[in-house]
Protein backbone atom coordinates (compact mmCIF):
# COMPACT_ATOMS: atom_id res chain seq x y z
CA MET A 1 15.23 10.89 -17.81
CA SER A 2 11.62 10.09 -18.69
CA GLN A 3 8.97 10.49 -16.03
CA HIS A 4 7.69 7.31 -14.39
CA ASN A 5 3.97 6.71 -14.97
CA VAL A 6 2.80 5.34 -11.61
CA ALA A 7 -0.61 4.22 -10.36
CA LEU A 8 -1.27 4.27 -6.63
CA PHE A 9 -2.95 1.14 -5.27
CA ILE A 10 -4.31 2.44 -1.98
CA THR A 11 -5.47 -0.92 -0.41
CA CYS A 12 -8.58 -1.39 1.71
CA LEU A 13 -7.12 -0.73 5.16
CA THR A 14 -5.07 2.29 4.09
CA ASP A 15 -8.11 3.70 2.31
CA GLN A 16 -10.35 3.35 5.35
CA PHE A 17 -8.00 4.01 8.26
CA TYR A 18 -4.81 5.72 7.03
CA PRO A 19 -5.65 7.75 3.90
CA HIS A 20 -2.99 10.31 4.89
CA VAL A 21 -0.40 7.60 4.15
CA GLY A 22 -1.69 7.54 0.58
CA VAL A 23 -1.29 11.31 0.45
CA ALA A 24 2.29 11.04 1.72
CA VAL A 25 3.20 8.30 -0.75
CA THR A 26 1.75 10.25 -3.65
CA LYS A 27 3.40 13.56 -2.83
CA ILE A 28 6.75 11.90 -2.18
CA LEU A 29 6.64 10.09 -5.51
CA GLU A 30 5.85 13.41 -7.19
CA ARG A 31 8.95 14.88 -5.53
CA PHE A 32 10.88 12.10 -7.27
CA ASP A 33 9.43 13.22 -10.61
CA CYS A 34 6.80 10.50 -10.93
CA HIS A 35 3.45 11.14 -12.58
CA VAL A 36 1.01 9.58 -10.10
CA SER A 37 -2.52 8.55 -11.01
CA PHE A 38 -5.24 7.23 -8.74
CA PRO A 39 -7.62 4.88 -10.58
CA ARG A 40 -10.85 5.40 -8.65
CA ALA A 41 -12.41 2.16 -9.88
CA GLN A 42 -9.86 0.16 -7.87
CA THR A 43 -11.12 -2.20 -5.19
CA CYS A 44 -9.75 -5.00 -3.02
CA CYS A 45 -6.96 -7.18 -4.44
CA GLY A 46 -8.86 -10.27 -3.31
CA GLN A 47 -6.55 -11.35 -0.50
CA PRO A 48 -9.28 -11.90 2.15
CA PHE A 49 -11.19 -14.13 -0.29
CA PHE A 50 -8.03 -16.01 -1.27
CA ASN A 51 -6.85 -16.62 2.29
CA ASN A 52 -10.24 -18.02 3.27
CA GLY A 53 -10.52 -20.43 0.36
CA PHE A 54 -12.89 -18.44 -1.86
CA HIS A 55 -10.64 -18.66 -4.89
CA ASP A 56 -13.34 -18.12 -7.51
CA GLU A 57 -14.26 -14.79 -5.95
CA ALA A 58 -10.60 -13.86 -5.52
CA ARG A 59 -10.00 -14.70 -9.18
CA GLU A 60 -12.58 -12.18 -10.36
CA LEU A 61 -11.03 -9.46 -8.21
CA ALA A 62 -7.62 -10.37 -9.63
CA LYS A 63 -9.01 -9.91 -13.15
CA ARG A 64 -10.48 -6.57 -12.18
CA PHE A 65 -7.15 -5.50 -10.71
CA VAL A 66 -5.33 -6.48 -13.91
CA GLU A 67 -7.77 -4.58 -16.13
CA ILE A 68 -7.55 -1.41 -14.05
CA PHE A 69 -3.79 -1.32 -13.53
CA GLU A 70 -2.37 -2.91 -16.70
CA PRO A 71 -1.99 0.36 -18.67
CA PHE A 72 0.43 1.85 -16.12
CA ASP A 73 4.20 1.49 -16.12
CA TYR A 74 4.26 0.82 -12.38
CA VAL A 75 1.81 0.09 -9.58
CA VAL A 76 2.96 1.29 -6.15
CA THR A 77 1.26 0.41 -2.88
CA PRO A 78 2.00 1.27 0.75
CA SER A 79 1.24 -2.34 1.74
CA GLY A 80 3.63 -5.27 1.50
CA SER A 81 0.74 -7.63 2.18
CA CYS A 82 -1.33 -6.60 -0.83
CA CYS A 83 1.79 -6.34 -2.98
CA ALA A 84 2.58 -9.96 -2.09
CA MET A 85 -0.95 -10.98 -3.06
CA VAL A 86 -0.51 -9.50 -6.54
CA ARG A 87 3.00 -10.81 -7.05
CA GLU A 88 2.64 -14.28 -5.54
CA GLN A 89 -0.99 -15.36 -5.80
CA PHE A 90 -2.29 -13.86 -9.04
CA HIS A 91 -0.19 -16.43 -10.90
CA GLU A 92 -2.02 -19.23 -9.12
CA LEU A 93 -5.44 -17.69 -9.67
CA LEU A 94 -5.00 -16.90 -13.38
CA LYS A 95 -2.64 -19.62 -14.58
CA GLY A 96 -3.82 -21.21 -17.81
CA ASP A 97 -6.22 -18.35 -18.54
CA HIS A 98 -4.93 -17.14 -21.91
CA ALA A 99 -7.20 -14.09 -21.95
CA TRP A 100 -5.64 -12.76 -18.75
CA GLY A 101 -2.17 -14.30 -18.69
CA HIS A 102 -0.28 -11.52 -20.47
CA GLY A 103 -1.91 -8.75 -18.45
CA MET A 104 -1.34 -10.64 -15.20
CA GLU A 105 2.36 -11.06 -15.98
CA ARG A 106 2.69 -7.39 -16.83
CA VAL A 107 0.89 -6.17 -13.71
CA SER A 108 2.44 -8.59 -11.23
CA GLY A 109 5.89 -7.83 -12.58
CA ARG A 110 5.42 -4.09 -12.18
CA THR A 111 3.73 -3.94 -8.79
CA TYR A 112 5.98 -2.64 -6.02
CA GLU A 113 5.70 -1.90 -2.34
CA PHE A 114 6.55 1.75 -1.67
CA VAL A 115 9.97 1.24 -0.03
CA GLU A 116 10.88 -1.35 -2.63
CA PHE A 117 10.03 1.10 -5.42
CA LEU A 118 12.15 3.83 -3.84
CA ASP A 119 15.09 1.48 -3.44
CA ARG A 120 15.02 -0.68 -6.57
CA VAL A 121 13.49 1.60 -9.19
CA LEU A 122 14.13 5.18 -8.10
CA LYS A 123 17.45 4.41 -6.35
CA ALA A 124 16.43 6.98 -3.76
CA ASP A 125 19.02 8.61 -1.52
CA LEU A 126 17.49 10.31 1.54
CA SER A 127 20.75 11.60 2.99
CA HIS A 128 19.65 15.17 2.22
CA LEU A 129 16.56 14.79 4.42
CA SER A 130 16.33 15.39 8.15
CA LEU A 131 13.48 15.18 10.62
CA PRO A 132 12.63 18.49 12.31
CA GLY A 133 13.63 18.99 15.92
CA SER A 134 16.68 19.81 17.98
CA GLU A 135 17.30 16.23 19.12
CA PRO A 136 17.50 12.96 17.16
CA ARG A 137 14.21 11.06 17.34
CA PRO A 138 14.45 7.55 18.84
CA THR A 139 12.96 5.29 16.16
CA THR A 140 12.57 1.55 15.73
CA TYR A 141 11.29 -0.59 12.88
CA HIS A 142 8.90 -3.54 12.50
CA TYR A 143 9.87 -6.05 9.79
CA THR A 144 6.52 -7.19 8.42
CA CYS A 145 6.14 -10.80 7.31
CA HIS A 146 4.86 -10.09 3.81
CA LEU A 147 7.69 -7.67 3.08
CA ARG A 148 10.15 -10.44 3.89
CA GLY A 149 8.07 -12.69 1.66
CA ILE A 150 8.69 -10.48 -1.37
CA GLY A 151 12.37 -10.09 -0.60
CA ILE A 152 12.30 -6.79 1.29
CA LYS A 153 14.16 -6.82 4.58
CA ASP A 154 16.63 -4.05 5.37
CA GLN A 155 15.70 -1.53 2.68
CA GLY A 156 13.38 0.40 5.01
CA VAL A 157 16.00 0.57 7.75
CA LYS A 158 18.58 1.67 5.19
CA LEU A 159 16.37 4.60 4.20
CA LEU A 160 15.72 5.50 7.84
CA ARG A 161 19.44 5.50 8.60
CA GLN A 162 20.08 7.82 5.66
CA MET A 163 17.80 10.48 7.13
CA GLY A 164 19.16 13.01 9.60
CA ASN A 165 17.88 13.39 13.16
CA VAL A 166 16.91 9.70 13.37
CA ASP A 167 18.21 7.75 16.35
CA PHE A 168 17.59 4.23 15.04
CA ARG A 169 17.19 1.54 17.67
CA ALA A 170 17.06 -2.06 16.51
CA MET A 171 14.33 -4.22 17.97
CA ASP A 172 14.74 -7.75 19.29
CA LYS A 173 13.04 -10.63 17.45
CA THR A 174 12.90 -8.75 14.17
CA ASP A 175 11.82 -11.88 12.31
CA GLN A 176 8.81 -12.46 14.57
CA CYS A 177 5.26 -11.83 13.35
CA CYS A 178 3.11 -9.24 15.12
CA GLY A 179 0.22 -11.72 15.31
CA PHE A 180 -2.16 -10.00 12.90
CA GLY A 181 -2.12 -12.27 9.87
CA GLY A 182 -5.44 -11.00 8.52
CA THR A 183 -8.16 -13.43 9.57
CA PHE A 184 -5.67 -15.25 11.83
CA ALA A 185 -6.27 -12.58 14.46
CA VAL A 186 -10.01 -13.27 14.25
CA LYS A 187 -9.83 -17.06 14.18
CA TYR A 188 -7.15 -17.41 16.85
CA PRO A 189 -7.45 -14.30 19.06
CA ALA A 190 -5.67 -15.76 22.08
CA ILE A 191 -2.61 -16.79 20.06
CA SER A 192 -2.64 -13.53 18.12
CA GLY A 193 -2.89 -11.53 21.34
CA ALA A 194 0.06 -13.36 22.91
CA ILE A 195 2.20 -12.77 19.82
CA VAL A 196 1.46 -9.06 19.58
CA GLU A 197 2.00 -8.61 23.32
CA ASP A 198 5.48 -10.08 22.92
CA LYS A 199 6.08 -7.77 19.97
CA VAL A 200 5.01 -4.74 22.00
CA ASN A 201 7.38 -5.77 24.80
CA CYS A 202 10.18 -5.68 22.23
CA VAL A 203 9.04 -2.24 21.08
CA ALA A 204 8.95 -0.93 24.66
CA ASP A 205 12.45 -2.24 25.35
CA THR A 206 13.88 0.06 22.66
CA LYS A 207 12.40 3.13 24.40
CA ALA A 208 11.68 4.51 20.93
CA GLN A 209 9.25 7.35 20.43
CA THR A 210 8.35 6.21 16.91
CA LEU A 211 7.76 2.74 15.49
CA VAL A 212 7.92 2.54 11.71
CA CYS A 213 5.53 -0.07 10.33
CA ASN A 214 4.76 -0.28 6.61
CA ASP A 215 1.65 -2.48 6.62
CA ALA A 216 -1.69 -1.13 7.78
CA GLY A 217 -2.84 -4.41 9.34
CA CYS A 218 0.31 -4.69 11.42
CA THR A 219 0.03 -1.03 12.36
CA MET A 220 -3.52 -1.46 13.66
CA ASN A 221 -2.59 -4.57 15.62
CA ILE A 222 0.56 -3.21 17.23
CA ALA A 223 -0.83 0.27 17.89
CA GLY A 224 -3.89 -1.25 19.55
CA MET A 225 -1.80 -3.36 21.93
CA CYS A 226 0.51 -0.41 22.64
CA HIS A 227 -2.55 1.61 23.65
CA ARG A 228 -3.88 -1.17 25.88
CA ARG A 229 -0.48 -1.69 27.51
CA GLY A 230 0.19 2.02 27.94
CA VAL A 231 3.31 1.96 25.75
CA ASP A 232 3.89 5.54 24.61
CA VAL A 233 5.00 5.14 21.00
CA ARG A 234 3.68 6.57 17.75
CA VAL A 235 3.25 4.00 14.99
CA LYS A 236 3.91 5.53 11.57
CA HIS A 237 4.46 4.50 7.98
CA ILE A 238 7.90 5.42 6.67
CA ALA A 239 6.18 7.67 4.11
CA GLU A 240 4.87 9.81 6.98
CA LEU A 241 8.39 10.36 8.32
CA MET A 242 9.69 11.13 4.86
CA ALA A 243 6.87 13.61 4.29
CA GLU A 244 7.68 15.28 7.60
CA ALA A 245 11.34 15.58 6.62
CA MET A 246 10.31 17.02 3.24
CA GLY A 247 7.98 19.56 4.82
CA ILE A 248 4.90 17.97 3.24
CA ASP A 249 1.64 18.54 5.10
CA VAL A 250 -0.33 15.31 4.65
CA THR A 251 -3.35 16.75 6.47
CA LYS A 252 -4.15 18.98 3.49
CA TRP A 253 -5.93 16.34 1.51
CA TRP A 254 -7.91 18.39 -0.96
CA ARG A 255 -6.18 19.67 -4.04
CA ARG A 256 -8.19 20.76 -7.04
CA PRO A 257 -7.19 18.75 -10.13
CA VAL A 258 -5.49 20.85 -12.76
CA GLU A 259 -5.28 19.87 -16.40
CA GLY A 260 -2.01 18.14 -17.08
CA MET A 261 -1.40 17.38 -13.39
CA PRO A 262 -1.37 13.97 -11.67
CA PHE A 263 -4.25 12.31 -9.84
CA SER A 264 -6.01 11.59 -13.11
CA HIS A 265 -9.08 9.37 -13.08
CA HIS A 266 -8.11 6.53 -15.36
CA ARG A 267 -10.71 4.51 -17.24
CA SER A 268 -8.75 1.48 -18.29
CA SER A 269 -11.09 0.53 -21.11
CA ASP A 270 -10.20 3.74 -22.97
CA ASN A 271 -6.66 2.49 -23.54
CA ARG A 272 -7.69 -1.04 -24.31
CA SER A 273 -10.45 -0.76 -26.88
CA GLY A 274 -9.72 -2.94 -29.85
CA SER A 275 -7.51 -5.26 -27.85
CA SER A 276 -8.30 -8.88 -28.61
CA ALA A 277 -7.29 -9.86 -25.10
CA SER A 278 -9.66 -7.28 -23.65
CA ASN A 279 -12.52 -8.41 -25.88
CA ASN A 280 -12.09 -12.00 -24.72
CA ARG A 281 -12.18 -11.18 -21.01
CA ARG A 282 -15.28 -11.69 -18.91
CA PHE A 283 -16.23 -10.73 -15.38
CA VAL A 284 -18.75 -12.93 -13.60
CA GLY A 285 -20.32 -10.31 -11.41
CA VAL A 286 -18.48 -10.32 -8.07
CA ARG A 287 -19.83 -7.40 -6.08
CA VAL A 288 -17.03 -5.02 -5.17
CA ARG A 289 -16.80 -1.58 -3.65
CA ALA A 290 -14.70 1.03 -5.38
CA ALA A 291 -12.16 3.11 -3.51
CA SER A 292 -14.04 5.19 -0.99
CA VAL A 293 -14.53 8.92 -0.63
CA PRO A 294 -11.77 9.27 2.04
CA ALA A 295 -9.12 8.12 -0.39
CA ALA A 296 -10.64 9.98 -3.32
CA MET A 297 -10.70 13.22 -1.33
CA ALA A 298 -7.19 12.63 -0.07
CA LEU A 299 -5.91 12.27 -3.59
CA GLY A 300 -7.77 15.19 -5.10
CA THR A 301 -10.39 13.19 -7.01
CA ALA A 302 -13.49 14.19 -5.06
CA THR A 303 -14.79 17.45 -3.73
CA PRO A 304 -14.82 17.93 0.06
CA GLY A 305 -18.11 16.76 1.52
CA GLY A 306 -19.21 15.21 -1.76
CA ALA A 307 -18.98 11.84 -3.39
CA SER A 308 -16.51 11.16 -6.13
CA GLU A 309 -17.60 10.38 -9.64
CA ALA A 310 -19.32 7.02 -9.81
CA PRO A 311 -16.67 4.39 -10.57
CA ARG A 312 -16.83 2.16 -13.59
CA VAL A 313 -17.86 -1.30 -12.40
CA PRO A 314 -17.56 -4.10 -14.96
CA ARG A 315 -20.87 -5.77 -15.72
CA ALA A 316 -21.42 -9.48 -15.75
CA MET A 317 -21.56 -10.70 -19.33
CA ALA A 318 -23.80 -13.48 -20.50
C-alpha cells in the first residue's frame, strides 16, 4: 500500500497553547505509515475574520491556505472547528473565482479532522492499544459542535472504546455546546459562562479522571471552568491518550530533520511553477503570521532556542 502524503495543519490555538498535541498527531500518523510534512508558511484559516463579517480578509487567508496545502494528498488537523471552516466556508468565500476554484475543491475535499482521518481514511483499529496502569482509567468525552457539523459524532468514542484500560463514562447532554463559540464567549460572557458551567456539572457527574476534547477552544473553555470550580479532571486530546498508549513521549519536541524523513519544509510554489492557475492568482496583502516557533520546534523544523527559517509570505501584486 502506498504511503499517504499528509500535511499537518496545526491551527492557531493548538500552535500557541497545545503544541504537544501536534507532536502526538504527527507521530501517531507516522506509526500508521503516513509521510507527514509541516508547511511552516501556514497561518490562520481565516475563521475569526469570517465569523466577524470580515469576508474580504478571510478570503485572502483562504487563498493562502489553498496555495500552501494544495500539493498534498491530505490535510489533517487536530481541530474540528478549523476543519469545518475549510470544508464549509471556503466554498462561499471563493465561489465564482476561476483562478482558485479547482484548488479550493481539491483542498476542501481532502482536509480531515484527525479522528475522522483515522476512521474514514486509515480505517484505524486501536484494539491492540492499552493505556498504562493497573486500573482502567475513568474517561468521558465532549462532543464538539463543529465535529458534529462535519458529520463526526461517535467516531472518537468508538476509538476510545477500542483501547484497553479505558473505563468510558458517557456524559449527559452530549449535544450541548460548551459555550466557547469563538468570539461568542467574548461578546456574550454571561451566557457563555452559564453554558460552560452546566457542561462542567455534566463532566463532574461522570466522576471521570480524563475528559477527551478534540478542539482547542473547547478545551481551554472547559478546562478553565473546571479549574475555577475545583473539578479534578484532566482535559486531553484523544491524540494524547493514543500517544500514551503507544509509548510516545510528546514532551520530546526536538528531532533533528534527516534527509528523506518527514517534517519537510514545503514551499508550495516549487511544485506549482508553470501552472496557469497559479500564475493567475493574486494576493492582496493581508498581513498574516506564519506558524510560530513553538510549533516549528515541536515538529522538528526549528532549532531549540532559535527561530525557524523565515516563512515565505506572498507579496501583494500590483
